[in-house]
Amino acid sequence: MNPTTMLYEGKAKQIYATDEPSVVLVRYKDSATAFNGVKKAEIAGKGELNNRISSYFFRLLTEQGIPNHFVKEVSALEQLVRKVSIIPLEVVVRNRTAGSLAKRLGFEEGIILPEPIVEFYYKKDELGDPLVTEDHVLVLDLATKEQLKTLKKTALKVNRFLSQWLEERNLILVDFKLEFGIDEKGEILLADEISPDTCRFWDKDTKERLDKDRFRHDLGRVIESYQEIWNRLEGEKNV
């Protein structure tokens, strides 16, 4: 299934059409961005690790019966996925205080929340992807009530499974971002990626950050941290 025309290029990925109309090819880049693209860098090896990690997580979620766009991993940097129309919402699930939540509410980072929080952010670069309520989503016609229920239910299901699965590998899933799309049959599918770019992973014992925060906050050892996540999956069997 050969890539043909580039359909889209984002901060971290390129999307290509293939000779199968319902399938596109995703090519991961080594580009790193933060703060809505204000901070940028190229980090050798990042694209390959994100492709490997995201493919791994999508395979796990497929086994759990969670509908998603993943078809198969085809190279170190590439995977095939089902073509979807992305719902313009970022669905963020938070298990502990960190990042914008901690800053917004004046909390220290790392506080365990009584129950997971689900937030919606409007995917609009020129507005800085603002936090929106469910009422805002409906007024802006970004999704229907039923679609919102599906997004929230699926996000919490992903959270329950991955939190436990990662804890067994001595990792804390602090929070993460999901995106969803609608396929040609009208089905809502989990899409985009699940990687250290879109999740906060902390070591359970040391609370060391093993994710994009290392780039955001100039903590160093960015690629080493991404590699550590891969190693704790089943990377040591595949390197």
C-alpha atoms as a PDB file:
ATOM      1  CA  MET A   1       0.000   0.000   0.000  1.00  0.00           C
ATOM      2  CA  ASN A   2       2.149   2.830  -1.316  1.00  0.00           C
ATOM      3  CA  PRO A   3       1.836   6.460  -0.128  1.00  0.00           C
ATOM      4  CA  THR A   4       0.861   8.942  -2.825  1.00  0.00           C
ATOM      5  CA  THR A   5      -0.126  12.539  -2.079  1.00  0.00           C
ATOM      6  CA  MET A   6       0.602  14.254   1.231  1.00  0.00           C
ATOM      7  CA  LEU A   7      -2.775  15.190   2.689  1.00  0.00           C
ATOM      8  CA  TYR A   8      -1.640  17.008   5.799  1.00  0.00           C
ATOM      9  CA  GLU A   9       1.470  17.943   7.741  1.00  0.00           C
ATOM     10  CA  GLY A  10       1.277  18.715  11.432  1.00  0.00           C
ATOM     11  CA  LYS A  11       3.807  19.467  14.139  1.00  0.00           C
ATOM     12  CA  ALA A  12       4.823  15.838  14.636  1.00  0.00           C
ATOM     13  CA  LYS A  13       3.378  13.826  11.735  1.00  0.00           C
ATOM     14  CA  GLN A  14       2.719  13.750   8.001  1.00  0.00           C
ATOM     15  CA  ILE A  15      -0.378  12.091   6.536  1.00  0.00           C
ATOM     16  CA  TYR A  16      -0.310  10.535   3.062  1.00  0.00           C
ATOM     17  CA  ALA A  17      -3.030   9.090   0.861  1.00  0.00           C
ATOM     18  CA  THR A  18      -2.565   5.480  -0.238  1.00  0.00           C
ATOM     19  CA  ASP A  19      -3.968   3.406  -3.059  1.00  0.00           C
ATOM     20  CA  GLU A  20      -6.694   2.297  -0.619  1.00  0.00           C
ATOM     21  CA  PRO A  21      -9.157   5.228  -0.247  1.00  0.00           C
ATOM     22  CA  SER A  22     -10.166   4.312   3.314  1.00  0.00           C
ATOM     23  CA  VAL A  23      -6.580   3.980   4.580  1.00  0.00           C
ATOM     24  CA  VAL A  24      -3.877   6.620   5.035  1.00  0.00           C
ATOM     25  CA  LEU A  25      -0.213   6.397   5.964  1.00  0.00           C
ATOM     26  CA  VAL A  26       1.115   8.276   8.992  1.00  0.00           C
ATOM     27  CA  ARG A  27       4.798   9.198   8.998  1.00  0.00           C
ATOM     28  CA  TYR A  28       6.224  10.363  12.321  1.00  0.00           C
ATOM     29  CA  LYS A  29       8.719  13.225  12.416  1.00  0.00           C
ATOM     30  CA  ASP A  30      11.614  14.009  14.741  1.00  0.00           C
ATOM     31  CA  SER A  31      10.174  17.487  15.311  1.00  0.00           C
ATOM     32  CA  ALA A  32       9.397  18.550  18.868  1.00  0.00           C
ATOM     33  CA  THR A  33       7.170  21.515  19.693  1.00  0.00           C
ATOM     34  CA  ALA A  34       5.742  23.003  22.865  1.00  0.00           C
ATOM     35  CA  PHE A  35       3.587  25.929  23.970  1.00  0.00           C
ATOM     36  CA  ASN A  36       1.508  25.902  20.766  1.00  0.00           C
ATOM     37  CA  GLY A  37       4.559  25.754  18.530  1.00  0.00           C
ATOM     38  CA  VAL A  38       6.498  28.604  20.173  1.00  0.00           C
ATOM     39  CA  LYS A  39       9.289  26.246  21.226  1.00  0.00           C
ATOM     40  CA  LYS A  40      10.698  23.990  18.492  1.00  0.00           C
ATOM     41  CA  ALA A  41      13.537  21.519  18.025  1.00  0.00           C
ATOM     42  CA  GLU A  42      14.557  18.430  16.095  1.00  0.00           C
ATOM     43  CA  ILE A  43      15.296  15.390  18.270  1.00  0.00           C
ATOM     44  CA  ALA A  44      16.875  12.476  16.409  1.00  0.00           C
ATOM     45  CA  GLY A  45      15.048   9.214  17.021  1.00  0.00           C
ATOM     46  CA  LYS A  46      11.890  10.755  18.487  1.00  0.00           C
ATOM     47  CA  GLY A  47       9.727   9.944  15.459  1.00  0.00           C
ATOM     48  CA  GLU A  48      10.664   6.272  15.492  1.00  0.00           C
ATOM     49  CA  LEU A  49      10.018   5.894  19.213  1.00  0.00           C
ATOM     50  CA  ASN A  50       6.644   7.634  19.031  1.00  0.00           C
ATOM     51  CA  ASN A  51       5.635   5.428  16.106  1.00  0.00           C
ATOM     52  CA  ARG A  52       6.662   2.270  17.955  1.00  0.00           C
ATOM     53  CA  ILE A  53       5.039   3.309  21.248  1.00  0.00           C
ATOM     54  CA  SER A  54       1.805   4.552  19.692  1.00  0.00           C
ATOM     55  CA  SER A  55       1.471   1.419  17.549  1.00  0.00           C
ATOM     56  CA  TYR A  56       1.983  -0.702  20.651  1.00  0.00           C
ATOM     57  CA  PHE A  57      -0.700   1.120  22.634  1.00  0.00           C
ATOM     58  CA  PHE A  58      -3.198   0.964  19.776  1.00  0.00           C
ATOM     59  CA  ARG A  59      -2.654  -2.791  19.484  1.00  0.00           C
ATOM     60  CA  LEU A  60      -3.303  -3.142  23.226  1.00  0.00           C
ATOM     61  CA  LEU A  61      -6.498  -1.094  23.002  1.00  0.00           C
ATOM     62  CA  THR A  62      -7.692  -3.111  20.006  1.00  0.00           C
ATOM     63  CA  GLU A  63      -7.366  -6.230  22.159  1.00  0.00           C
ATOM     64  CA  GLN A  64      -9.549  -4.467  24.761  1.00  0.00           C
ATOM     65  CA  GLY A  65     -12.275  -3.893  22.166  1.00  0.00           C
ATOM     66  CA  ILE A  66     -11.764  -0.126  21.952  1.00  0.00           C
ATOM     67  CA  PRO A  67     -12.476   1.004  18.361  1.00  0.00           C
ATOM     68  CA  ASN A  68      -9.530   2.902  16.905  1.00  0.00           C
ATOM     69  CA  HIS A  69      -8.015   3.866  13.569  1.00  0.00           C
ATOM     70  CA  PHE A  70      -4.886   1.692  13.741  1.00  0.00           C
ATOM     71  CA  VAL A  71      -4.309  -0.848  10.967  1.00  0.00           C
ATOM     72  CA  LYS A  72      -0.659  -1.850  11.234  1.00  0.00           C
ATOM     73  CA  GLU A  73       2.889  -0.626  11.710  1.00  0.00           C
ATOM     74  CA  VAL A  74       4.743  -0.746   8.396  1.00  0.00           C
ATOM     75  CA  SER A  75       8.188   0.719   9.126  1.00  0.00           C
ATOM     76  CA  ALA A  76      10.252   2.382  11.837  1.00  0.00           C
ATOM     77  CA  LEU A  77       8.552   5.723  11.154  1.00  0.00           C
ATOM     78  CA  GLU A  78       5.259   4.724   9.549  1.00  0.00           C
ATOM     79  CA  GLN A  79       1.920   3.140  10.310  1.00  0.00           C
ATOM     80  CA  LEU A  80      -1.269   2.625   8.336  1.00  0.00           C
ATOM     81  CA  VAL A  81      -4.509   3.893   9.845  1.00  0.00           C
ATOM     82  CA  ARG A  82      -8.127   4.144   8.793  1.00  0.00           C
ATOM     83  CA  LYS A  83      -9.033   7.491   7.294  1.00  0.00           C
ATOM     84  CA  VAL A  84     -11.210   9.593   9.586  1.00  0.00           C
ATOM     85  CA  SER A  85     -12.548  13.113   9.859  1.00  0.00           C
ATOM     86  CA  ILE A  86     -11.083  14.388  13.114  1.00  0.00           C
ATOM     87  CA  ILE A  87     -13.534  15.766  15.660  1.00  0.00           C
ATOM     88  CA  PRO A  88     -12.016  19.171  16.554  1.00  0.00           C
ATOM     89  CA  LEU A  89     -11.698  18.378  20.253  1.00  0.00           C
ATOM     90  CA  GLU A  90      -8.820  17.255  22.430  1.00  0.00           C
ATOM     91  CA  VAL A  91     -10.110  14.979  25.179  1.00  0.00           C
ATOM     92  CA  VAL A  92      -7.837  15.181  28.219  1.00  0.00           C
ATOM     93  CA  VAL A  93      -8.058  12.745  31.126  1.00  0.00           C
ATOM     94  CA  ARG A  94      -6.316  13.726  34.359  1.00  0.00           C
ATOM     95  CA  ASN A  95      -5.492  11.392  37.256  1.00  0.00           C
ATOM     96  CA  ARG A  96      -3.129  13.732  39.092  1.00  0.00           C
ATOM     97  CA  THR A  97      -2.554  17.473  39.102  1.00  0.00           C
ATOM     98  CA  ALA A  98       0.042  18.591  36.566  1.00  0.00           C
ATOM     99  CA  GLY A  99       0.607  21.083  33.772  1.00  0.00           C
ATOM    100  CA  SER A 100      -2.167  23.542  33.006  1.00  0.00           C
ATOM    101  CA  LEU A 101      -4.555  22.062  35.595  1.00  0.00           C
ATOM    102  CA  ALA A 102      -2.123  22.665  38.449  1.00  0.00           C
ATOM    103  CA  LYS A 103      -1.351  26.158  37.188  1.00  0.00           C
ATOM    104  CA  ARG A 104      -4.995  27.050  36.578  1.00  0.00           C
ATOM    105  CA  LEU A 105      -6.201  25.944  40.018  1.00  0.00           C
ATOM    106  CA  GLY A 106      -3.089  26.817  42.024  1.00  0.00           C
ATOM    107  CA  PHE A 107      -2.291  23.231  43.017  1.00  0.00           C
ATOM    108  CA  GLU A 108       1.065  21.571  43.457  1.00  0.00           C
ATOM    109  CA  GLU A 109       1.836  18.987  40.813  1.00  0.00           C
ATOM    110  CA  GLY A 110       1.341  15.324  41.624  1.00  0.00           C
ATOM    111  CA  ILE A 111      -1.763  15.474  43.835  1.00  0.00           C
ATOM    112  CA  ILE A 112      -3.891  12.364  43.288  1.00  0.00           C
ATOM    113  CA  LEU A 113      -7.401  13.355  42.226  1.00  0.00           C
ATOM    114  CA  PRO A 114     -10.388  11.675  43.950  1.00  0.00           C
ATOM    115  CA  GLU A 115     -11.551  10.551  40.529  1.00  0.00           C
ATOM    116  CA  PRO A 116     -10.352  11.167  36.974  1.00  0.00           C
ATOM    117  CA  ILE A 117     -11.234  14.511  35.408  1.00  0.00           C
ATOM    118  CA  VAL A 118     -12.204  14.684  31.732  1.00  0.00           C
ATOM    119  CA  GLU A 119     -11.681  18.007  29.965  1.00  0.00           C
ATOM    120  CA  PHE A 120     -12.392  19.149  26.410  1.00  0.00           C
ATOM    121  CA  TYR A 121     -10.188  21.551  24.455  1.00  0.00           C
ATOM    122  CA  TYR A 122     -11.198  23.177  21.177  1.00  0.00           C
ATOM    123  CA  LYS A 123      -8.635  22.287  18.490  1.00  0.00           C
ATOM    124  CA  LYS A 124      -8.020  25.762  17.138  1.00  0.00           C
ATOM    125  CA  ASP A 125      -4.371  26.790  16.841  1.00  0.00           C
ATOM    126  CA  GLU A 126      -5.083  30.495  16.408  1.00  0.00           C
ATOM    127  CA  LEU A 127      -7.002  30.478  19.715  1.00  0.00           C
ATOM    128  CA  GLY A 128      -4.412  28.377  21.550  1.00  0.00           C
ATOM    129  CA  ASP A 129      -6.669  25.307  21.833  1.00  0.00           C
ATOM    130  CA  PRO A 130      -8.844  26.730  24.655  1.00  0.00           C
ATOM    131  CA  LEU A 131     -10.552  24.723  27.373  1.00  0.00           C
ATOM    132  CA  VAL A 132     -14.286  24.457  26.636  1.00  0.00           C
ATOM    133  CA  THR A 133     -17.324  23.150  28.478  1.00  0.00           C
ATOM    134  CA  GLU A 134     -19.783  20.635  27.050  1.00  0.00           C
ATOM    135  CA  ASP A 135     -22.209  23.512  26.495  1.00  0.00           C
ATOM    136  CA  HIS A 136     -19.563  25.339  24.461  1.00  0.00           C
ATOM    137  CA  VAL A 137     -19.048  22.205  22.375  1.00  0.00           C
ATOM    138  CA  LEU A 138     -22.760  22.029  21.592  1.00  0.00           C
ATOM    139  CA  VAL A 139     -23.080  25.755  20.804  1.00  0.00           C
ATOM    140  CA  LEU A 140     -20.047  25.580  18.493  1.00  0.00           C
ATOM    141  CA  ASP A 141     -21.485  22.422  16.889  1.00  0.00           C
ATOM    142  CA  LEU A 142     -18.231  20.545  17.404  1.00  0.00           C
ATOM    143  CA  ALA A 143     -19.988  17.351  18.500  1.00  0.00           C
ATOM    144  CA  THR A 144     -23.444  16.142  19.490  1.00  0.00           C
ATOM    145  CA  LYS A 145     -24.552  15.169  23.003  1.00  0.00           C
ATOM    146  CA  GLU A 146     -24.363  11.500  22.067  1.00  0.00           C
ATOM    147  CA  GLN A 147     -20.902  11.918  20.583  1.00  0.00           C
ATOM    148  CA  LEU A 148     -19.709  13.688  23.726  1.00  0.00           C
ATOM    149  CA  LYS A 149     -20.986  10.789  25.826  1.00  0.00           C
ATOM    150  CA  THR A 150     -19.085   8.359  23.607  1.00  0.00           C
ATOM    151  CA  LEU A 151     -15.879  10.414  23.786  1.00  0.00           C
ATOM    152  CA  LYS A 152     -16.019  10.637  27.577  1.00  0.00           C
ATOM    153  CA  LYS A 153     -16.971   6.986  28.076  1.00  0.00           C
ATOM    154  CA  THR A 154     -14.194   5.788  25.755  1.00  0.00           C
ATOM    155  CA  ALA A 155     -11.594   8.109  27.295  1.00  0.00           C
ATOM    156  CA  LEU A 156     -12.379   6.804  30.791  1.00  0.00           C
ATOM    157  CA  LYS A 157     -12.244   3.212  29.567  1.00  0.00           C
ATOM    158  CA  VAL A 158      -8.825   3.862  28.029  1.00  0.00           C
ATOM    159  CA  ASN A 159      -7.735   5.460  31.295  1.00  0.00           C
ATOM    160  CA  ARG A 160      -8.849   2.546  33.462  1.00  0.00           C
ATOM    161  CA  PHE A 161      -7.039   0.017  31.338  1.00  0.00           C
ATOM    162  CA  LEU A 162      -3.819   1.934  30.666  1.00  0.00           C
ATOM    163  CA  SER A 163      -3.446   3.200  34.245  1.00  0.00           C
ATOM    164  CA  GLN A 164      -3.477  -0.336  35.619  1.00  0.00           C
ATOM    165  CA  TRP A 165      -1.386  -1.756  32.773  1.00  0.00           C
ATOM    166  CA  LEU A 166       1.290   0.928  33.176  1.00  0.00           C
ATOM    167  CA  GLU A 167       1.340   0.625  36.964  1.00  0.00           C
ATOM    168  CA  GLU A 168       2.387  -2.991  36.498  1.00  0.00           C
ATOM    169  CA  ARG A 169       5.405  -1.585  34.631  1.00  0.00           C
ATOM    170  CA  ASN A 170       6.171   0.844  37.461  1.00  0.00           C
ATOM    171  CA  LEU A 171       4.742   3.846  35.606  1.00  0.00           C
ATOM    172  CA  ILE A 172       2.147   6.423  36.654  1.00  0.00           C
ATOM    173  CA  LEU A 173      -0.219   7.705  33.977  1.00  0.00           C
ATOM    174  CA  VAL A 174      -0.576  11.265  35.262  1.00  0.00           C
ATOM    175  CA  ASP A 175      -2.711  12.565  32.393  1.00  0.00           C
ATOM    176  CA  PHE A 176      -3.079  12.201  28.637  1.00  0.00           C
ATOM    177  CA  LYS A 177      -4.710  13.651  25.528  1.00  0.00           C
ATOM    178  CA  LEU A 178      -6.862  11.699  23.089  1.00  0.00           C
ATOM    179  CA  GLU A 179      -8.326  12.642  19.739  1.00  0.00           C
ATOM    180  CA  PHE A 180     -11.182  10.967  17.913  1.00  0.00           C
ATOM    181  CA  GLY A 181     -12.390  10.830  14.336  1.00  0.00           C
ATOM    182  CA  ILE A 182     -15.392   9.636  12.358  1.00  0.00           C
ATOM    183  CA  ASP A 183     -14.829   7.058   9.619  1.00  0.00           C
ATOM    184  CA  GLU A 184     -16.682   6.588   6.338  1.00  0.00           C
ATOM    185  CA  LYS A 185     -19.317   4.470   8.113  1.00  0.00           C
ATOM    186  CA  GLY A 186     -19.996   7.152  10.706  1.00  0.00           C
ATOM    187  CA  GLU A 187     -18.250   5.241  13.498  1.00  0.00           C
ATOM    188  CA  ILE A 188     -16.300   7.165  16.135  1.00  0.00           C
ATOM    189  CA  LEU A 189     -12.741   5.876  16.344  1.00  0.00           C
ATOM    190  CA  LEU A 190      -9.910   6.713  18.701  1.00  0.00           C
ATOM    191  CA  ALA A 191      -7.273   8.344  16.469  1.00  0.00           C
ATOM    192  CA  ASP A 192      -4.077  10.436  16.421  1.00  0.00           C
ATOM    193  CA  GLU A 193      -1.390   8.939  18.720  1.00  0.00           C
ATOM    194  CA  ILE A 194      -0.686   7.731  22.254  1.00  0.00           C
ATOM    195  CA  SER A 195       2.922   8.487  23.100  1.00  0.00           C
ATOM    196  CA  PRO A 196       5.191  10.487  25.432  1.00  0.00           C
ATOM    197  CA  ASP A 197       4.199  13.497  23.315  1.00  0.00           C
ATOM    198  CA  THR A 198       0.553  13.157  24.375  1.00  0.00           C
ATOM    199  CA  CYS A 199       0.805  11.543  27.826  1.00  0.00           C
ATOM    200  CA  ARG A 200       2.512  12.357  31.099  1.00  0.00           C
ATOM    201  CA  PHE A 201       4.361   9.276  32.321  1.00  0.00           C
ATOM    202  CA  TRP A 202       6.111   9.343  35.698  1.00  0.00           C
ATOM    203  CA  ASP A 203       8.284   6.658  37.244  1.00  0.00           C
ATOM    204  CA  LYS A 204       6.267   5.209  40.126  1.00  0.00           C
ATOM    205  CA  ASP A 205       9.165   5.222  42.605  1.00  0.00           C
ATOM    206  CA  THR A 206      11.167   8.333  41.749  1.00  0.00           C
ATOM    207  CA  LYS A 207       8.430  10.430  40.072  1.00  0.00           C
ATOM    208  CA  GLU A 208      10.914  11.119  37.283  1.00  0.00           C
ATOM    209  CA  ARG A 209       9.184  12.529  34.212  1.00  0.00           C
ATOM    210  CA  LEU A 210       9.475  10.317  31.147  1.00  0.00           C
ATOM    211  CA  ASP A 211       7.584  12.382  28.602  1.00  0.00           C
ATOM    212  CA  LYS A 212       7.426  15.642  26.656  1.00  0.00           C
ATOM    213  CA  ASP A 213       7.730  17.717  29.843  1.00  0.00           C
ATOM    214  CA  ARG A 214      11.449  17.034  29.620  1.00  0.00           C
ATOM    215  CA  PHE A 215      11.480  19.076  26.413  1.00  0.00           C
ATOM    216  CA  ARG A 216       8.963  21.667  27.597  1.00  0.00           C
ATOM    217  CA  HIS A 217      10.936  22.507  30.713  1.00  0.00           C
ATOM    218  CA  ASP A 218      14.503  21.912  29.496  1.00  0.00           C
ATOM    219  CA  LEU A 219      15.041  18.942  31.807  1.00  0.00           C
ATOM    220  CA  GLY A 220      17.358  17.165  29.373  1.00  0.00           C
ATOM    221  CA  ARG A 221      17.477  13.447  28.513  1.00  0.00           C
ATOM    222  CA  VAL A 222      14.428  13.715  26.245  1.00  0.00           C
ATOM    223  CA  ILE A 223      15.190  10.836  23.889  1.00  0.00           C
ATOM    224  CA  GLU A 224      16.499   8.702  26.764  1.00  0.00           C
ATOM    225  CA  SER A 225      13.164   9.114  28.547  1.00  0.00           C
ATOM    226  CA  TYR A 226      11.169   8.155  25.453  1.00  0.00           C
ATOM    227  CA  GLN A 227      13.433   5.127  25.056  1.00  0.00           C
ATOM    228  CA  GLU A 228      12.777   4.175  28.683  1.00  0.00           C
ATOM    229  CA  ILE A 229       9.029   4.143  28.019  1.00  0.00           C
ATOM    230  CA  TRP A 230       9.579   1.872  25.017  1.00  0.00           C
ATOM    231  CA  ASN A 231      11.807  -0.410  27.079  1.00  0.00           C
ATOM    232  CA  ARG A 232       9.100  -0.754  29.724  1.00  0.00           C
ATOM    233  CA  LEU A 233       6.550  -1.857  27.163  1.00  0.00           C
ATOM    234  CA  GLU A 234       8.171  -4.742  25.370  1.00  0.00           C
ATOM    235  CA  GLY A 235      10.808  -2.727  23.563  1.00  0.00           C
ATOM    236  CA  GLU A 236      13.671  -4.787  24.895  1.00  0.00           C
ATOM    237  CA  LYS A 237      12.330  -7.690  22.808  1.00  0.00           C
ATOM    238  CA  ASN A 238      12.234  -5.664  19.609  1.00  0.00           C
ATOM    239  CA  VAL A 239      15.288  -3.358  19.626  1.00  0.00           C
END
